[in-house]
Amino acid sequence: MLKIKEVRLEKGWSVPKLAEASGVSRRTIQDLEKRGDCMLSTAARLAAAMDVSLNDIWINE
């Protein structure tokens, strides 16, 4: 499970800002935040854009 939204909000970023920084579409980010999962390559792009590790956006259940 990913906590993309939590990390994004902690950084004070909007979805459009993350979309621009990562190259991932707004709609995709919104869908990922609802679902809580995505392809590893997409998660890596989002983490890199927010300057965090993959571990920082992963919830261990």
N, C-alpha and C. Protein backbone atom coordinates (compact mmCIF):
# COMPACT_ATOMS: atom_id res chain seq x y z
N MET A 1 0.85 -1.17 0.00
CA MET A 1 0.00 0.00 0.00
C MET A 1 0.90 1.24 0.00
N LEU A 2 0.54 2.20 -0.82
CA LEU A 2 1.32 3.43 -0.92
C LEU A 2 0.64 4.58 -0.20
N LYS A 3 1.44 5.46 0.32
CA LYS A 3 0.91 6.65 0.97
C LYS A 3 1.37 7.91 0.23
N ILE A 4 1.09 7.92 -1.05
CA ILE A 4 1.51 9.03 -1.91
C ILE A 4 0.85 10.33 -1.45
N LYS A 5 -0.44 10.28 -1.19
CA LYS A 5 -1.15 11.49 -0.80
C LYS A 5 -0.61 12.07 0.50
N GLU A 6 -0.34 11.22 1.48
CA GLU A 6 0.16 11.70 2.76
C GLU A 6 1.50 12.41 2.60
N VAL A 7 2.40 11.81 1.84
CA VAL A 7 3.72 12.41 1.62
C VAL A 7 3.57 13.71 0.82
N ARG A 8 2.72 13.68 -0.19
CA ARG A 8 2.50 14.88 -1.01
C ARG A 8 1.99 16.03 -0.14
N LEU A 9 1.03 15.75 0.72
CA LEU A 9 0.46 16.79 1.58
C LEU A 9 1.47 17.27 2.62
N GLU A 10 2.28 16.36 3.15
CA GLU A 10 3.33 16.76 4.10
C GLU A 10 4.28 17.77 3.46
N LYS A 11 4.53 17.59 2.17
CA LYS A 11 5.41 18.50 1.45
C LYS A 11 4.71 19.78 1.01
N GLY A 12 3.38 19.81 1.17
CA GLY A 12 2.63 20.99 0.77
C GLY A 12 2.42 21.09 -0.74
N TRP A 13 2.46 19.93 -1.39
CA TRP A 13 2.33 19.90 -2.85
C TRP A 13 0.89 19.61 -3.26
N SER A 14 0.48 20.21 -4.36
CA SER A 14 -0.81 19.89 -4.97
C SER A 14 -0.61 18.75 -5.96
N VAL A 15 -1.71 18.16 -6.39
CA VAL A 15 -1.62 17.11 -7.42
C VAL A 15 -1.01 17.68 -8.69
N PRO A 16 -1.44 18.87 -9.16
CA PRO A 16 -0.82 19.41 -10.38
C PRO A 16 0.69 19.62 -10.25
N LYS A 17 1.15 20.05 -9.08
CA LYS A 17 2.59 20.25 -8.90
C LYS A 17 3.33 18.92 -8.98
N LEU A 18 2.78 17.87 -8.34
CA LEU A 18 3.42 16.55 -8.41
C LEU A 18 3.39 16.02 -9.84
N ALA A 19 2.29 16.24 -10.53
CA ALA A 19 2.18 15.79 -11.92
C ALA A 19 3.25 16.44 -12.79
N GLU A 20 3.44 17.73 -12.60
CA GLU A 20 4.44 18.45 -13.39
C GLU A 20 5.85 17.98 -13.05
N ALA A 21 6.13 17.79 -11.77
CA ALA A 21 7.47 17.40 -11.34
C ALA A 21 7.81 15.96 -11.73
N SER A 22 6.81 15.09 -11.75
CA SER A 22 7.07 13.66 -11.98
C SER A 22 6.83 13.21 -13.42
N GLY A 23 6.02 13.96 -14.17
CA GLY A 23 5.66 13.52 -15.51
C GLY A 23 4.53 12.51 -15.52
N VAL A 24 3.92 12.28 -14.35
CA VAL A 24 2.77 11.37 -14.23
C VAL A 24 1.51 12.24 -14.28
N SER A 25 0.51 11.83 -15.04
CA SER A 25 -0.66 12.67 -15.21
C SER A 25 -1.43 12.88 -13.91
N ARG A 26 -2.13 14.00 -13.83
CA ARG A 26 -2.94 14.31 -12.65
C ARG A 26 -3.94 13.20 -12.36
N ARG A 27 -4.61 12.77 -13.39
CA ARG A 27 -5.64 11.73 -13.23
C ARG A 27 -5.03 10.45 -12.67
N THR A 28 -3.86 10.08 -13.18
CA THR A 28 -3.20 8.88 -12.69
C THR A 28 -2.84 9.03 -11.22
N ILE A 29 -2.31 10.17 -10.84
CA ILE A 29 -1.96 10.41 -9.43
C ILE A 29 -3.20 10.32 -8.56
N GLN A 30 -4.29 10.93 -9.00
CA GLN A 30 -5.54 10.87 -8.23
C GLN A 30 -6.01 9.43 -8.08
N ASP A 31 -5.94 8.66 -9.16
CA ASP A 31 -6.35 7.25 -9.10
C ASP A 31 -5.45 6.45 -8.16
N LEU A 32 -4.14 6.70 -8.23
CA LEU A 32 -3.20 5.98 -7.38
C LEU A 32 -3.43 6.30 -5.91
N GLU A 33 -3.73 7.55 -5.62
CA GLU A 33 -3.98 7.94 -4.24
C GLU A 33 -5.24 7.27 -3.69
N LYS A 34 -6.21 7.02 -4.54
CA LYS A 34 -7.43 6.33 -4.11
C LYS A 34 -7.18 4.83 -3.95
N ARG A 35 -6.47 4.23 -4.91
CA ARG A 35 -6.23 2.78 -4.91
C ARG A 35 -5.15 2.36 -3.94
N GLY A 36 -4.10 3.18 -3.84
CA GLY A 36 -3.00 2.84 -2.96
C GLY A 36 -1.98 1.89 -3.55
N ASP A 37 -2.03 1.69 -4.87
CA ASP A 37 -1.04 0.83 -5.51
C ASP A 37 -0.73 1.34 -6.90
N CYS A 38 0.42 0.91 -7.42
CA CYS A 38 0.79 1.28 -8.79
C CYS A 38 2.00 0.46 -9.19
N MET A 39 2.42 0.65 -10.42
CA MET A 39 3.62 -0.02 -10.92
C MET A 39 4.84 0.56 -10.20
N LEU A 40 5.83 -0.25 -9.98
CA LEU A 40 7.04 0.18 -9.29
C LEU A 40 7.69 1.37 -10.00
N SER A 41 7.70 1.35 -11.32
CA SER A 41 8.33 2.44 -12.06
C SER A 41 7.61 3.77 -11.81
N THR A 42 6.29 3.73 -11.70
CA THR A 42 5.52 4.94 -11.43
C THR A 42 5.79 5.42 -10.00
N ALA A 43 5.81 4.51 -9.06
CA ALA A 43 6.10 4.87 -7.67
C ALA A 43 7.49 5.49 -7.58
N ALA A 44 8.45 4.96 -8.32
CA ALA A 44 9.81 5.49 -8.30
C ALA A 44 9.84 6.91 -8.85
N ARG A 45 9.08 7.17 -9.90
CA ARG A 45 9.02 8.52 -10.47
C ARG A 45 8.42 9.51 -9.48
N LEU A 46 7.35 9.09 -8.80
CA LEU A 46 6.71 9.97 -7.83
C LEU A 46 7.63 10.23 -6.63
N ALA A 47 8.27 9.18 -6.14
CA ALA A 47 9.19 9.34 -5.01
C ALA A 47 10.36 10.26 -5.39
N ALA A 48 10.92 10.05 -6.55
CA ALA A 48 12.04 10.88 -6.99
C ALA A 48 11.62 12.34 -7.12
N ALA A 49 10.45 12.57 -7.66
CA ALA A 49 9.96 13.95 -7.83
C ALA A 49 9.80 14.65 -6.48
N MET A 50 9.38 13.88 -5.46
CA MET A 50 9.19 14.46 -4.13
C MET A 50 10.46 14.39 -3.28
N ASP A 51 11.55 13.85 -3.87
CA ASP A 51 12.83 13.72 -3.20
C ASP A 51 12.73 12.88 -1.92
N VAL A 52 12.04 11.75 -2.04
CA VAL A 52 11.92 10.79 -0.95
C VAL A 52 12.25 9.40 -1.50
N SER A 53 12.49 8.45 -0.62
CA SER A 53 12.77 7.08 -1.07
C SER A 53 11.46 6.34 -1.27
N LEU A 54 11.54 5.21 -1.95
CA LEU A 54 10.36 4.36 -2.10
C LEU A 54 9.84 3.91 -0.73
N ASN A 55 10.75 3.67 0.19
CA ASN A 55 10.35 3.28 1.55
C ASN A 55 9.50 4.36 2.21
N ASP A 56 9.76 5.61 1.89
CA ASP A 56 9.01 6.72 2.49
C ASP A 56 7.56 6.77 2.03
N ILE A 57 7.26 6.20 0.87
CA ILE A 57 5.88 6.24 0.38
C ILE A 57 5.18 4.88 0.50
N TRP A 58 5.85 3.93 1.14
CA TRP A 58 5.30 2.58 1.30
C TRP A 58 4.79 2.37 2.72
N ILE A 59 3.57 1.86 2.86
CA ILE A 59 3.01 1.50 4.16
C ILE A 59 3.18 0.01 4.34
N ASN A 60 3.90 -0.38 5.36
CA ASN A 60 4.06 -1.81 5.67
C ASN A 60 2.85 -2.28 6.46
N GLU A 61 2.16 -3.25 5.92
CA GLU A 61 0.96 -3.77 6.60
C GLU A 61 1.20 -5.16 7.12
